[in-house]
Amino acid sequence: MKVIQTVINTVLVAAVIVLCAVFLLPRAFGYQPYMVVSASMQQSFPVGSLIYVTDASPEDINVGDPITFSSGSLTITHRVIAIDREQRLFTTKGDNNNTSERIAFDQLLGKALDFSIPYMGYFAAWFITSQGRILTFIILACLLLLGIIIGKMAELEDEDEGEVENEPESVNDAKITGEKGDLTPRDAADILNDELKKKEGEINEQKTYEPPESEPSDGAH
C-alpha cells in the first residue's frame, strides 16, 4: 500500500513540477512558449517541440540568432543570416530550407532561445485549450485524492498491526494485579499451589497427631 502511495505521490509531484517548469516559470521570466509545426528548422527545432521566445528589439538581434516573426496569419521562427539596418530588414532562412526571406523589423515578435523541448509542443497545444486544461486538472485532482485515500488506508493498517503487536502472545503473558504486585497467571498458579501444599501439610499434621498414652492408675481391676 505504501509503495502505491509513493508512486502516486511521485507522479503527482513530477506532473506539477513539469507544468510549472514548462509553462509557468518561463512566462514569469518573460519567455513565451511556442510549438514548432514545420520542419524548416528541423536540425535545431524538431516538429512537435516546444521553444521559448523573449521580447527583443531589432537592435538586440545579431546574425545567427533565431527569431520569431509574423508573416500574415503565420508565426515563423527562422535564423537571421543578414541584417540591413538602413532598410530595417532581416534576411532569415530556415536551417532546413533552401530559400531565404526578407523580414521588416516591424514583423519581429522576439528572439528565440536556441534550444527546444522535444514533443512537449504537442502537449502545450492540447493544454492551452479549455478542454485540455480542465482534463489535466481533473487528472491531477484525482491523483491527489487517490494518494490521500491510500495514505489513510496505510495509516489504518499500521494502527491495526500495532494493536496486534501490543497484544499478549498468550494468556500466560497477561498480568494480574494483586497484593503481591503484577503477576502472570503462571506465577499466580505457582503461588496458589504453594499455599495449597502448605495447607495440605497442616491438615496432614492434624490427622496424624496422636495424644500421649495415659499412665496406669493404681487400683484393683
N, C-alpha and C. Protein backbone atom coordinates (compact mmCIF):
# COMPACT_ATOMS: atom_id res chain seq x y z
N MET A 1 0.83 -1.21 0.00
CA MET A 1 0.00 0.00 0.00
C MET A 1 0.86 1.26 0.00
N LYS A 2 1.92 1.23 0.82
CA LYS A 2 2.80 2.39 0.89
C LYS A 2 3.55 2.60 -0.41
N VAL A 3 3.87 1.49 -1.09
CA VAL A 3 4.57 1.60 -2.38
C VAL A 3 3.68 2.30 -3.40
N ILE A 4 2.40 1.92 -3.43
CA ILE A 4 1.45 2.55 -4.37
C ILE A 4 1.32 4.03 -4.06
N GLN A 5 1.23 4.36 -2.76
CA GLN A 5 1.11 5.76 -2.37
C GLN A 5 2.34 6.55 -2.81
N THR A 6 3.53 5.95 -2.66
CA THR A 6 4.77 6.62 -3.06
C THR A 6 4.79 6.87 -4.55
N VAL A 7 4.36 5.88 -5.34
CA VAL A 7 4.34 6.04 -6.79
C VAL A 7 3.38 7.15 -7.20
N ILE A 8 2.19 7.16 -6.60
CA ILE A 8 1.19 8.19 -6.93
C ILE A 8 1.71 9.58 -6.57
N ASN A 9 2.29 9.69 -5.38
CA ASN A 9 2.82 10.99 -4.95
C ASN A 9 3.95 11.44 -5.86
N THR A 10 4.79 10.51 -6.29
CA THR A 10 5.90 10.85 -7.18
C THR A 10 5.38 11.35 -8.52
N VAL A 11 4.39 10.65 -9.07
CA VAL A 11 3.82 11.06 -10.36
C VAL A 11 3.17 12.43 -10.23
N LEU A 12 2.44 12.65 -9.13
CA LEU A 12 1.75 13.92 -8.92
C LEU A 12 2.76 15.07 -8.80
N VAL A 13 3.78 14.87 -8.00
CA VAL A 13 4.80 15.92 -7.83
C VAL A 13 5.52 16.19 -9.14
N ALA A 14 5.84 15.11 -9.87
CA ALA A 14 6.54 15.29 -11.15
C ALA A 14 5.67 16.06 -12.14
N ALA A 15 4.37 15.75 -12.17
CA ALA A 15 3.47 16.45 -13.09
C ALA A 15 3.38 17.94 -12.76
N VAL A 16 3.28 18.24 -11.47
CA VAL A 16 3.20 19.65 -11.06
C VAL A 16 4.50 20.37 -11.40
N ILE A 17 5.64 19.71 -11.17
CA ILE A 17 6.93 20.33 -11.47
C ILE A 17 7.06 20.59 -12.96
N VAL A 18 6.64 19.63 -13.78
CA VAL A 18 6.73 19.80 -15.23
C VAL A 18 5.86 20.96 -15.70
N LEU A 19 4.62 21.01 -15.19
CA LEU A 19 3.73 22.10 -15.59
C LEU A 19 4.31 23.46 -15.20
N CYS A 20 4.85 23.53 -13.99
CA CYS A 20 5.44 24.80 -13.54
C CYS A 20 6.68 25.15 -14.34
N ALA A 21 7.55 24.15 -14.53
CA ALA A 21 8.82 24.42 -15.21
C ALA A 21 8.63 24.74 -16.68
N VAL A 22 7.65 24.11 -17.31
CA VAL A 22 7.48 24.27 -18.76
C VAL A 22 6.61 25.48 -19.10
N PHE A 23 5.60 25.77 -18.28
CA PHE A 23 4.65 26.81 -18.66
C PHE A 23 4.68 28.05 -17.76
N LEU A 24 4.71 27.84 -16.46
CA LEU A 24 4.55 28.98 -15.56
C LEU A 24 5.85 29.76 -15.35
N LEU A 25 6.93 29.07 -15.02
CA LEU A 25 8.18 29.77 -14.75
C LEU A 25 8.71 30.54 -15.96
N PRO A 26 8.73 29.93 -17.16
CA PRO A 26 9.21 30.71 -18.31
C PRO A 26 8.41 32.00 -18.53
N ARG A 27 7.09 31.93 -18.37
CA ARG A 27 6.26 33.13 -18.53
C ARG A 27 6.62 34.18 -17.47
N ALA A 28 6.91 33.69 -16.26
CA ALA A 28 7.27 34.63 -15.20
C ALA A 28 8.56 35.38 -15.51
N PHE A 29 9.43 34.76 -16.31
CA PHE A 29 10.69 35.41 -16.68
C PHE A 29 10.63 36.04 -18.07
N GLY A 30 9.42 36.12 -18.63
CA GLY A 30 9.26 36.82 -19.90
C GLY A 30 9.46 35.99 -21.15
N TYR A 31 9.35 34.66 -21.03
CA TYR A 31 9.52 33.78 -22.19
C TYR A 31 8.17 33.20 -22.59
N GLN A 32 7.84 33.33 -23.86
CA GLN A 32 6.57 32.83 -24.38
C GLN A 32 6.81 31.50 -25.09
N PRO A 33 6.10 30.43 -24.68
CA PRO A 33 6.30 29.14 -25.35
C PRO A 33 5.56 29.08 -26.69
N TYR A 34 6.22 28.43 -27.66
CA TYR A 34 5.62 28.21 -28.99
C TYR A 34 5.86 26.77 -29.40
N MET A 35 4.88 26.22 -30.11
CA MET A 35 5.02 24.87 -30.66
C MET A 35 5.56 24.97 -32.08
N VAL A 36 6.52 24.10 -32.41
CA VAL A 36 7.09 24.05 -33.76
C VAL A 36 6.19 23.14 -34.61
N VAL A 37 5.68 23.69 -35.72
CA VAL A 37 4.73 22.93 -36.54
C VAL A 37 5.27 22.57 -37.92
N SER A 38 6.47 23.05 -38.25
CA SER A 38 7.04 22.71 -39.56
C SER A 38 8.48 22.25 -39.38
N ALA A 39 9.03 21.66 -40.43
CA ALA A 39 10.39 21.11 -40.37
C ALA A 39 11.44 22.07 -40.92
N SER A 40 11.11 23.36 -41.06
CA SER A 40 12.07 24.30 -41.64
C SER A 40 13.30 24.50 -40.76
N MET A 41 13.15 24.22 -39.45
CA MET A 41 14.29 24.33 -38.52
C MET A 41 14.53 22.98 -37.83
N GLN A 42 14.37 21.92 -38.60
CA GLN A 42 14.37 20.57 -38.05
C GLN A 42 15.63 20.26 -37.25
N GLN A 43 16.79 20.72 -37.71
CA GLN A 43 18.03 20.41 -37.02
C GLN A 43 18.06 21.00 -35.60
N SER A 44 17.50 22.19 -35.44
CA SER A 44 17.51 22.85 -34.13
C SER A 44 16.20 22.69 -33.39
N PHE A 45 15.08 22.81 -34.13
CA PHE A 45 13.76 22.76 -33.52
C PHE A 45 12.91 21.71 -34.25
N PRO A 46 12.93 20.45 -33.78
CA PRO A 46 12.14 19.40 -34.44
C PRO A 46 10.64 19.68 -34.36
N VAL A 47 9.91 19.12 -35.31
CA VAL A 47 8.45 19.27 -35.31
C VAL A 47 7.87 18.70 -34.02
N GLY A 48 6.97 19.45 -33.41
CA GLY A 48 6.35 19.00 -32.18
C GLY A 48 7.09 19.45 -30.92
N SER A 49 8.24 20.07 -31.10
CA SER A 49 8.99 20.52 -29.93
C SER A 49 8.46 21.86 -29.44
N LEU A 50 8.89 22.23 -28.25
CA LEU A 50 8.46 23.49 -27.64
C LEU A 50 9.67 24.42 -27.56
N ILE A 51 9.50 25.67 -28.05
CA ILE A 51 10.56 26.66 -27.98
C ILE A 51 10.08 27.85 -27.15
N TYR A 52 11.03 28.68 -26.75
CA TYR A 52 10.70 29.84 -25.93
C TYR A 52 11.24 31.10 -26.59
N VAL A 53 10.37 32.10 -26.64
CA VAL A 53 10.70 33.36 -27.31
C VAL A 53 10.56 34.50 -26.30
N THR A 54 11.57 35.36 -26.27
CA THR A 54 11.55 36.50 -25.37
C THR A 54 11.53 37.80 -26.18
N ASP A 55 10.96 38.82 -25.59
CA ASP A 55 10.90 40.11 -26.27
C ASP A 55 12.31 40.62 -26.57
N ALA A 56 12.46 41.20 -27.74
CA ALA A 56 13.75 41.76 -28.14
C ALA A 56 13.52 42.87 -29.15
N SER A 57 14.36 43.86 -29.10
CA SER A 57 14.28 44.93 -30.09
C SER A 57 15.18 44.57 -31.28
N PRO A 58 14.94 45.14 -32.47
CA PRO A 58 15.78 44.83 -33.63
C PRO A 58 17.26 45.09 -33.37
N GLU A 59 17.57 46.06 -32.51
CA GLU A 59 18.98 46.37 -32.22
C GLU A 59 19.66 45.26 -31.43
N ASP A 60 18.85 44.40 -30.76
CA ASP A 60 19.43 43.31 -29.97
C ASP A 60 19.70 42.06 -30.80
N ILE A 61 19.25 42.06 -32.05
CA ILE A 61 19.37 40.87 -32.89
C ILE A 61 20.68 40.92 -33.67
N ASN A 62 21.34 39.76 -33.70
CA ASN A 62 22.59 39.63 -34.46
C ASN A 62 22.46 38.51 -35.47
N VAL A 63 23.34 38.50 -36.44
CA VAL A 63 23.36 37.41 -37.43
C VAL A 63 23.61 36.10 -36.70
N GLY A 64 22.83 35.09 -37.04
CA GLY A 64 22.94 33.78 -36.41
C GLY A 64 21.88 33.54 -35.36
N ASP A 65 21.18 34.61 -34.94
CA ASP A 65 20.13 34.44 -33.93
C ASP A 65 18.86 33.87 -34.55
N PRO A 66 18.18 32.93 -33.88
CA PRO A 66 16.85 32.52 -34.34
C PRO A 66 15.83 33.54 -33.85
N ILE A 67 14.98 34.02 -34.75
CA ILE A 67 13.97 35.00 -34.36
C ILE A 67 12.59 34.48 -34.74
N THR A 68 11.61 34.98 -34.02
CA THR A 68 10.21 34.65 -34.30
C THR A 68 9.55 35.91 -34.84
N PHE A 69 8.86 35.76 -35.95
CA PHE A 69 8.23 36.92 -36.59
C PHE A 69 6.88 36.52 -37.16
N SER A 70 6.08 37.52 -37.43
CA SER A 70 4.76 37.29 -38.02
C SER A 70 4.86 37.47 -39.52
N SER A 71 4.16 36.59 -40.22
CA SER A 71 4.09 36.69 -41.68
C SER A 71 2.64 36.41 -42.07
N GLY A 72 1.85 37.49 -42.19
CA GLY A 72 0.42 37.31 -42.41
C GLY A 72 -0.22 36.72 -41.17
N SER A 73 -0.88 35.60 -41.35
CA SER A 73 -1.52 34.92 -40.22
C SER A 73 -0.60 33.89 -39.57
N LEU A 74 0.62 33.75 -40.08
CA LEU A 74 1.55 32.74 -39.58
C LEU A 74 2.54 33.34 -38.60
N THR A 75 2.99 32.51 -37.69
CA THR A 75 4.10 32.86 -36.80
C THR A 75 5.25 31.92 -37.13
N ILE A 76 6.39 32.46 -37.50
CA ILE A 76 7.51 31.69 -38.03
C ILE A 76 8.75 31.96 -37.20
N THR A 77 9.56 30.93 -37.05
CA THR A 77 10.85 31.08 -36.39
C THR A 77 11.93 30.60 -37.35
N HIS A 78 12.77 31.51 -37.80
CA HIS A 78 13.89 31.21 -38.68
C HIS A 78 15.15 31.89 -38.14
N ARG A 79 16.27 31.56 -38.74
CA ARG A 79 17.53 32.10 -38.29
C ARG A 79 17.93 33.30 -39.16
N VAL A 80 18.47 34.32 -38.53
CA VAL A 80 18.90 35.52 -39.23
C VAL A 80 20.24 35.24 -39.93
N ILE A 81 20.29 35.50 -41.23
CA ILE A 81 21.55 35.30 -41.97
C ILE A 81 22.15 36.63 -42.45
N ALA A 82 21.34 37.71 -42.38
CA ALA A 82 21.86 39.04 -42.76
C ALA A 82 20.94 40.10 -42.17
N ILE A 83 21.51 41.29 -41.91
CA ILE A 83 20.74 42.40 -41.35
C ILE A 83 21.05 43.67 -42.14
N ASP A 84 20.02 44.33 -42.62
CA ASP A 84 20.17 45.62 -43.28
C ASP A 84 19.53 46.67 -42.37
N ARG A 85 20.37 47.31 -41.57
CA ARG A 85 19.83 48.22 -40.57
C ARG A 85 19.36 49.52 -41.21
N GLU A 86 19.91 49.89 -42.34
CA GLU A 86 19.44 51.11 -43.01
C GLU A 86 18.03 50.89 -43.55
N GLN A 87 17.81 49.75 -44.18
CA GLN A 87 16.49 49.43 -44.71
C GLN A 87 15.57 48.82 -43.66
N ARG A 88 16.13 48.54 -42.49
CA ARG A 88 15.40 47.93 -41.38
C ARG A 88 14.77 46.60 -41.83
N LEU A 89 15.66 45.75 -42.33
CA LEU A 89 15.22 44.45 -42.84
C LEU A 89 16.13 43.34 -42.30
N PHE A 90 15.51 42.23 -41.97
CA PHE A 90 16.24 41.00 -41.65
C PHE A 90 16.14 40.06 -42.85
N THR A 91 17.21 39.35 -43.14
CA THR A 91 17.15 38.24 -44.08
C THR A 91 17.22 36.97 -43.24
N THR A 92 16.20 36.15 -43.32
CA THR A 92 16.14 34.94 -42.49
C THR A 92 16.01 33.71 -43.38
N LYS A 93 16.33 32.58 -42.80
CA LYS A 93 16.27 31.33 -43.55
C LYS A 93 16.13 30.19 -42.56
N GLY A 94 15.25 29.26 -42.88
CA GLY A 94 15.16 28.05 -42.06
C GLY A 94 16.39 27.18 -42.26
N ASP A 95 16.88 26.58 -41.19
CA ASP A 95 18.08 25.74 -41.30
C ASP A 95 17.88 24.62 -42.30
N ASN A 96 16.67 24.19 -42.49
CA ASN A 96 16.37 23.08 -43.37
C ASN A 96 15.82 23.54 -44.72
N ASN A 97 15.81 24.86 -44.96
CA ASN A 97 15.27 25.42 -46.20
C ASN A 97 16.39 25.80 -47.17
N ASN A 98 16.03 25.86 -48.44
CA ASN A 98 16.98 26.29 -49.46
C ASN A 98 16.79 27.75 -49.84
N THR A 99 15.69 28.33 -49.43
CA THR A 99 15.41 29.72 -49.79
C THR A 99 15.36 30.58 -48.53
N SER A 100 15.55 31.88 -48.73
CA SER A 100 15.51 32.82 -47.61
C SER A 100 14.37 33.82 -47.84
N GLU A 101 14.10 34.68 -46.85
CA GLU A 101 13.07 35.69 -46.97
C GLU A 101 13.55 36.95 -46.26
N ARG A 102 13.01 38.07 -46.70
CA ARG A 102 13.36 39.35 -46.08
C ARG A 102 12.20 39.79 -45.19
N ILE A 103 12.53 40.15 -43.95
CA ILE A 103 11.53 40.45 -42.93
C ILE A 103 11.79 41.86 -42.41
N ALA A 104 10.73 42.65 -42.34
CA ALA A 104 10.86 44.00 -41.79
C ALA A 104 11.01 43.94 -40.28
N PHE A 105 11.71 44.92 -39.76
CA PHE A 105 11.89 44.98 -38.31
C PHE A 105 10.56 44.98 -37.57
N ASP A 106 9.56 45.58 -38.16
CA ASP A 106 8.26 45.67 -37.50
C ASP A 106 7.57 44.32 -37.34
N GLN A 107 8.01 43.33 -38.12
CA GLN A 107 7.41 42.00 -38.03
C GLN A 107 8.01 41.16 -36.89
N LEU A 108 9.05 41.67 -36.28
CA LEU A 108 9.74 40.92 -35.22
C LEU A 108 8.84 40.75 -33.99
N LEU A 109 8.72 39.50 -33.53
CA LEU A 109 7.98 39.20 -32.30
C LEU A 109 8.92 38.94 -31.12
N GLY A 110 10.10 38.47 -31.42
CA GLY A 110 11.05 38.23 -30.35
C GLY A 110 12.18 37.34 -30.79
N LYS A 111 13.08 37.13 -29.86
CA LYS A 111 14.25 36.27 -30.10
C LYS A 111 14.02 34.92 -29.44
N ALA A 112 14.25 33.87 -30.22
CA ALA A 112 14.04 32.52 -29.69
C ALA A 112 15.31 31.99 -29.04
N LEU A 113 15.12 31.31 -27.92
CA LEU A 113 16.26 30.61 -27.32
C LEU A 113 16.66 29.47 -28.24
N ASP A 114 17.95 29.24 -28.35
CA ASP A 114 18.44 28.26 -29.32
C ASP A 114 18.42 26.84 -28.74
N PHE A 115 17.28 26.45 -28.16
CA PHE A 115 17.09 25.07 -27.70
C PHE A 115 15.59 24.80 -27.68
N SER A 116 15.25 23.55 -27.62
CA SER A 116 13.83 23.17 -27.62
C SER A 116 13.63 21.94 -26.74
N ILE A 117 12.35 21.71 -26.36
CA ILE A 117 11.98 20.52 -25.59
C ILE A 117 11.21 19.60 -26.53
N PRO A 118 11.79 18.47 -26.92
CA PRO A 118 11.12 17.59 -27.89
C PRO A 118 9.74 17.12 -27.41
N TYR A 119 8.79 17.10 -28.34
CA TYR A 119 7.44 16.57 -28.15
C TYR A 119 6.58 17.37 -27.17
N MET A 120 7.16 18.23 -26.40
CA MET A 120 6.37 18.97 -25.42
C MET A 120 5.41 19.95 -26.10
N GLY A 121 5.69 20.32 -27.35
CA GLY A 121 4.80 21.20 -28.06
C GLY A 121 3.43 20.60 -28.29
N TYR A 122 3.39 19.27 -28.50
CA TYR A 122 2.10 18.61 -28.68
C TYR A 122 1.24 18.77 -27.41
N PHE A 123 1.87 18.55 -26.26
CA PHE A 123 1.12 18.70 -25.01
C PHE A 123 0.72 20.16 -24.81
N ALA A 124 1.60 21.09 -25.16
CA ALA A 124 1.29 22.51 -24.99
C ALA A 124 0.10 22.91 -25.85
N ALA A 125 0.07 22.41 -27.08
CA ALA A 125 -1.04 22.74 -27.98
C ALA A 125 -2.36 22.20 -27.43
N TRP A 126 -2.31 21.05 -26.76
CA TRP A 126 -3.52 20.48 -26.17
C TRP A 126 -3.87 21.18 -24.87
N PHE A 127 -2.84 21.54 -24.08
CA PHE A 127 -3.06 22.12 -22.76
C PHE A 127 -3.67 23.52 -22.84
N ILE A 128 -3.35 24.27 -23.90
CA ILE A 128 -3.86 25.64 -23.99
C ILE A 128 -5.35 25.68 -24.31
N THR A 129 -5.92 24.55 -24.72
CA THR A 129 -7.36 24.51 -24.94
C THR A 129 -8.07 24.38 -23.60
N SER A 130 -9.30 24.86 -23.54
CA SER A 130 -10.05 24.78 -22.28
C SER A 130 -10.28 23.33 -21.86
N GLN A 131 -10.58 22.47 -22.86
CA GLN A 131 -10.79 21.06 -22.54
C GLN A 131 -9.52 20.42 -21.98
N GLY A 132 -8.38 20.80 -22.58
CA GLY A 132 -7.11 20.23 -22.13
C GLY A 132 -6.78 20.64 -20.71
N ARG A 133 -7.00 21.90 -20.39
CA ARG A 133 -6.71 22.36 -19.02
C ARG A 133 -7.64 21.71 -18.01
N ILE A 134 -8.94 21.65 -18.35
CA ILE A 134 -9.89 21.05 -17.41
C ILE A 134 -9.55 19.59 -17.16
N LEU A 135 -9.27 18.84 -18.23
CA LEU A 135 -8.95 17.43 -18.07
C LEU A 135 -7.65 17.23 -17.29
N THR A 136 -6.67 18.09 -17.54
CA THR A 136 -5.40 18.00 -16.82
C THR A 136 -5.61 18.20 -15.32
N PHE A 137 -6.38 19.21 -14.96
CA PHE A 137 -6.63 19.49 -13.55
C PHE A 137 -7.48 18.39 -12.90
N ILE A 138 -8.40 17.81 -13.67
CA ILE A 138 -9.19 16.70 -13.14
C ILE A 138 -8.30 15.51 -12.83
N ILE A 139 -7.38 15.20 -13.75
CA ILE A 139 -6.46 14.08 -13.54
C ILE A 139 -5.59 14.33 -12.31
N LEU A 140 -5.07 15.55 -12.19
CA LEU A 140 -4.22 15.86 -11.02
C LEU A 140 -5.02 15.77 -9.73
N ALA A 141 -6.27 16.27 -9.75
CA ALA A 141 -7.11 16.20 -8.56
C ALA A 141 -7.41 14.76 -8.18
N CYS A 142 -7.67 13.92 -9.17
CA CYS A 142 -7.94 12.50 -8.90
C CYS A 142 -6.70 11.82 -8.31
N LEU A 143 -5.53 12.13 -8.84
CA LEU A 143 -4.29 11.56 -8.29
C LEU A 143 -4.08 12.00 -6.85
N LEU A 144 -4.36 13.28 -6.58
CA LEU A 144 -4.22 13.78 -5.23
C LEU A 144 -5.18 13.09 -4.27
N LEU A 145 -6.44 12.96 -4.69
CA LEU A 145 -7.45 12.29 -3.86
C LEU A 145 -7.09 10.83 -3.63
N LEU A 146 -6.63 10.16 -4.69
CA LEU A 146 -6.26 8.75 -4.56
C LEU A 146 -5.09 8.59 -3.61
N GLY A 147 -4.13 9.50 -3.70
CA GLY A 147 -2.99 9.44 -2.78
C GLY A 147 -3.41 9.62 -1.34
N ILE A 148 -4.35 10.54 -1.09
CA ILE A 148 -4.84 10.77 0.28
C ILE A 148 -5.56 9.53 0.80
N ILE A 149 -6.42 8.92 -0.04
CA ILE A 149 -7.17 7.74 0.39
C ILE A 149 -6.22 6.59 0.72
N ILE A 150 -5.26 6.34 -0.16
CA ILE A 150 -4.31 5.25 0.08
C ILE A 150 -3.48 5.53 1.32
N GLY A 151 -3.14 6.81 1.53
CA GLY A 151 -2.38 7.17 2.74
C GLY A 151 -3.16 6.86 4.00
N LYS A 152 -4.47 7.19 4.00
CA LYS A 152 -5.30 6.90 5.17
C LYS A 152 -5.42 5.39 5.40
N MET A 153 -5.56 4.63 4.29
CA MET A 153 -5.64 3.18 4.41
C MET A 153 -4.35 2.61 4.99
N ALA A 154 -3.22 3.16 4.56
CA ALA A 154 -1.93 2.70 5.08
C ALA A 154 -1.82 3.00 6.58
N GLU A 155 -2.31 4.17 7.00
CA GLU A 155 -2.27 4.51 8.43
C GLU A 155 -3.13 3.55 9.24
N LEU A 156 -4.31 3.19 8.72
CA LEU A 156 -5.18 2.25 9.44
C LEU A 156 -4.51 0.88 9.55
N GLU A 157 -3.83 0.46 8.48
CA GLU A 157 -3.13 -0.83 8.52
C GLU A 157 -2.03 -0.80 9.58
N ASP A 158 -1.29 0.32 9.64
CA ASP A 158 -0.23 0.43 10.64
C ASP A 158 -0.80 0.38 12.05
N GLU A 159 -1.95 1.05 12.27
CA GLU A 159 -2.57 1.02 13.59
C GLU A 159 -3.01 -0.39 13.96
N ASP A 160 -3.59 -1.12 12.99
CA ASP A 160 -4.03 -2.49 13.27
C ASP A 160 -2.83 -3.37 13.60
N GLU A 161 -1.73 -3.22 12.85
CA GLU A 161 -0.54 -4.01 13.12
C GLU A 161 0.02 -3.69 14.49
N GLY A 162 -0.03 -2.40 14.87
CA GLY A 162 0.46 -2.01 16.18
C GLY A 162 -0.35 -2.61 17.30
N GLU A 163 -1.68 -2.66 17.13
CA GLU A 163 -2.54 -3.25 18.15
C GLU A 163 -2.26 -4.74 18.29
N VAL A 164 -2.06 -5.43 17.18
CA VAL A 164 -1.78 -6.86 17.24
C VAL A 164 -0.45 -7.12 17.93
N GLU A 165 0.56 -6.28 17.64
CA GLU A 165 1.86 -6.47 18.24
C GLU A 165 1.82 -6.21 19.74
N ASN A 166 0.95 -5.31 20.19
CA ASN A 166 0.89 -4.97 21.61
C ASN A 166 0.08 -5.96 22.41
N GLU A 167 -0.72 -6.82 21.76
CA GLU A 167 -1.50 -7.81 22.48
C GLU A 167 -0.58 -8.90 23.02
N PRO A 168 -0.90 -9.49 24.20
CA PRO A 168 -0.09 -10.58 24.73
C PRO A 168 -0.06 -11.75 23.76
N GLU A 169 1.11 -12.41 23.68
CA GLU A 169 1.21 -13.53 22.75
C GLU A 169 0.39 -14.72 23.23
N SER A 170 0.20 -14.84 24.54
CA SER A 170 -0.60 -15.94 25.09
C SER A 170 -1.23 -15.49 26.40
N VAL A 171 -2.07 -16.32 26.93
CA VAL A 171 -2.72 -15.98 28.19
C VAL A 171 -1.70 -15.87 29.31
N ASN A 172 -0.62 -16.64 29.19
CA ASN A 172 0.40 -16.64 30.23
C ASN A 172 1.15 -15.33 30.31
N ASP A 173 1.06 -14.49 29.24
CA ASP A 173 1.74 -13.20 29.25
C ASP A 173 0.89 -12.11 29.88
N ALA A 174 -0.39 -12.39 30.15
CA ALA A 174 -1.26 -11.38 30.75
C ALA A 174 -0.84 -11.11 32.19
N LYS A 175 -1.22 -9.97 32.71
CA LYS A 175 -0.84 -9.57 34.06
C LYS A 175 -2.06 -9.54 34.96
N ILE A 176 -1.87 -10.01 36.21
CA ILE A 176 -2.91 -9.96 37.22
C ILE A 176 -2.40 -9.09 38.35
N THR A 177 -3.14 -8.06 38.69
CA THR A 177 -2.74 -7.15 39.76
C THR A 177 -3.34 -7.59 41.07
N GLY A 178 -2.48 -7.77 42.07
CA GLY A 178 -2.94 -8.20 43.39
C GLY A 178 -2.09 -7.61 44.47
N GLU A 179 -2.19 -8.22 45.66
CA GLU A 179 -1.42 -7.70 46.79
C GLU A 179 0.08 -7.82 46.55
N LYS A 180 0.47 -8.81 45.79
CA LYS A 180 1.89 -9.05 45.55
C LYS A 180 2.38 -8.41 44.25
N GLY A 181 1.61 -7.45 43.74
CA GLY A 181 2.01 -6.77 42.51
C GLY A 181 1.46 -7.43 41.27
N ASP A 182 2.03 -7.09 40.13
CA ASP A 182 1.58 -7.65 38.85
C ASP A 182 2.16 -9.04 38.68
N LEU A 183 1.29 -10.01 38.47
CA LEU A 183 1.72 -11.39 38.30
C LEU A 183 1.11 -11.97 37.04
N THR A 184 1.81 -12.88 36.44
CA THR A 184 1.25 -13.61 35.32
C THR A 184 0.40 -14.74 35.89
N PRO A 185 -0.52 -15.26 35.10
CA PRO A 185 -1.33 -16.39 35.59
C PRO A 185 -0.48 -17.56 36.07
N ARG A 186 0.67 -17.79 35.41
CA ARG A 186 1.52 -18.90 35.82
C ARG A 186 2.13 -18.65 37.21
N ASP A 187 2.58 -17.39 37.42
CA ASP A 187 3.11 -17.07 38.74
C ASP A 187 2.03 -17.20 39.81
N ALA A 188 0.83 -16.72 39.50
CA ALA A 188 -0.27 -16.81 40.47
C ALA A 188 -0.59 -18.27 40.77
N ALA A 189 -0.55 -19.12 39.73
CA ALA A 189 -0.84 -20.54 39.94
C ALA A 189 0.22 -21.18 40.83
N ASP A 190 1.49 -20.80 40.60
CA ASP A 190 2.57 -21.37 41.43
C ASP A 190 2.40 -20.97 42.88
N ILE A 191 2.06 -19.69 43.10
CA ILE A 191 1.85 -19.23 44.48
C ILE A 191 0.68 -19.96 45.11
N LEU A 192 -0.40 -20.13 44.33
CA LEU A 192 -1.57 -20.84 44.84
C LEU A 192 -1.23 -22.28 45.18
N ASN A 193 -0.45 -22.95 44.34
CA ASN A 193 -0.04 -24.33 44.60
C ASN A 193 0.78 -24.42 45.88
N ASP A 194 1.69 -23.44 46.06
CA ASP A 194 2.49 -23.44 47.28
C ASP A 194 1.60 -23.29 48.51
N GLU A 195 0.61 -22.39 48.43
CA GLU A 195 -0.28 -22.20 49.57
C GLU A 195 -1.10 -23.46 49.86
N LEU A 196 -1.55 -24.10 48.75
CA LEU A 196 -2.32 -25.33 48.93
C LEU A 196 -1.48 -26.44 49.55
N LYS A 197 -0.21 -26.50 49.15
CA LYS A 197 0.66 -27.52 49.72
C LYS A 197 0.88 -27.27 51.21
N LYS A 198 1.03 -25.99 51.57
CA LYS A 198 1.19 -25.67 52.98
C LYS A 198 -0.05 -26.09 53.77
N LYS A 199 -1.23 -25.74 53.23
CA LYS A 199 -2.47 -26.10 53.90
C LYS A 199 -2.61 -27.60 54.01
N GLU A 200 -2.25 -28.31 52.93
CA GLU A 200 -2.36 -29.76 52.94
C GLU A 200 -1.43 -30.36 53.99
N GLY A 201 -0.25 -29.76 54.13
CA GLY A 201 0.69 -30.25 55.14
C GLY A 201 0.14 -30.05 56.54
N GLU A 202 -0.46 -28.88 56.77
CA GLU A 202 -1.03 -28.62 58.08
C GLU A 202 -2.15 -29.59 58.39
N ILE A 203 -2.98 -29.88 57.38
CA ILE A 203 -4.09 -30.82 57.57
C ILE A 203 -3.57 -32.21 57.88
N ASN A 204 -2.53 -32.62 57.15
CA ASN A 204 -1.95 -33.95 57.38
C ASN A 204 -1.36 -34.05 58.79
N GLU A 205 -0.73 -32.96 59.25
CA GLU A 205 -0.18 -32.97 60.60
C GLU A 205 -1.28 -33.13 61.62
N GLN A 206 -2.40 -32.47 61.38
CA GLN A 206 -3.51 -32.58 62.31
C GLN A 206 -4.09 -33.99 62.33
N LYS A 207 -4.16 -34.65 61.17
CA LYS A 207 -4.72 -36.00 61.08
C LYS A 207 -3.81 -37.02 61.75
N THR A 208 -2.50 -36.85 61.70
CA THR A 208 -1.56 -37.85 62.24
C THR A 208 -1.20 -37.60 63.68
N TYR A 209 -1.79 -36.58 64.28
CA TYR A 209 -1.47 -36.26 65.68
C TYR A 209 -2.15 -37.28 66.60
N GLU A 210 -1.42 -37.90 67.53
CA GLU A 210 -1.95 -38.85 68.49
C GLU A 210 -1.67 -38.35 69.89
N PRO A 211 -2.64 -38.30 70.75
CA PRO A 211 -2.42 -37.84 72.13
C PRO A 211 -1.53 -38.81 72.89
N PRO A 212 -0.77 -38.40 73.84
CA PRO A 212 0.11 -39.32 74.62
C PRO A 212 -0.70 -40.32 75.45
N GLU A 213 -0.15 -41.54 75.62
CA GLU A 213 -0.85 -42.57 76.42
C GLU A 213 -0.86 -42.18 77.89
N SER A 214 -2.00 -42.40 78.51
CA SER A 214 -2.12 -42.08 79.95
C SER A 214 -1.47 -43.17 80.81
N GLU A 215 -0.89 -42.80 81.89
CA GLU A 215 -0.23 -43.76 82.77
C GLU A 215 -1.29 -44.57 83.52
N PRO A 216 -1.00 -45.91 83.77
CA PRO A 216 -1.99 -46.73 84.53
C PRO A 216 -2.11 -46.24 85.97
N SER A 217 -3.31 -46.19 86.40
CA SER A 217 -3.58 -45.72 87.79
C SER A 217 -3.58 -46.91 88.77
N ASP A 218 -3.23 -46.71 89.96
CA ASP A 218 -3.25 -47.78 90.99
C ASP A 218 -4.71 -48.13 91.36
N GLY A 219 -4.98 -49.33 91.40
CA GLY A 219 -6.31 -49.75 91.84
C GLY A 219 -6.59 -51.16 91.43
N ALA A 220 -7.59 -51.73 91.94
CA ALA A 220 -7.92 -53.12 91.61
C ALA A 220 -8.68 -53.14 90.32
N HIS A 221 -8.36 -54.23 89.59
CA HIS A 221 -9.07 -54.40 88.33
C HIS A 221 -10.23 -55.33 88.54
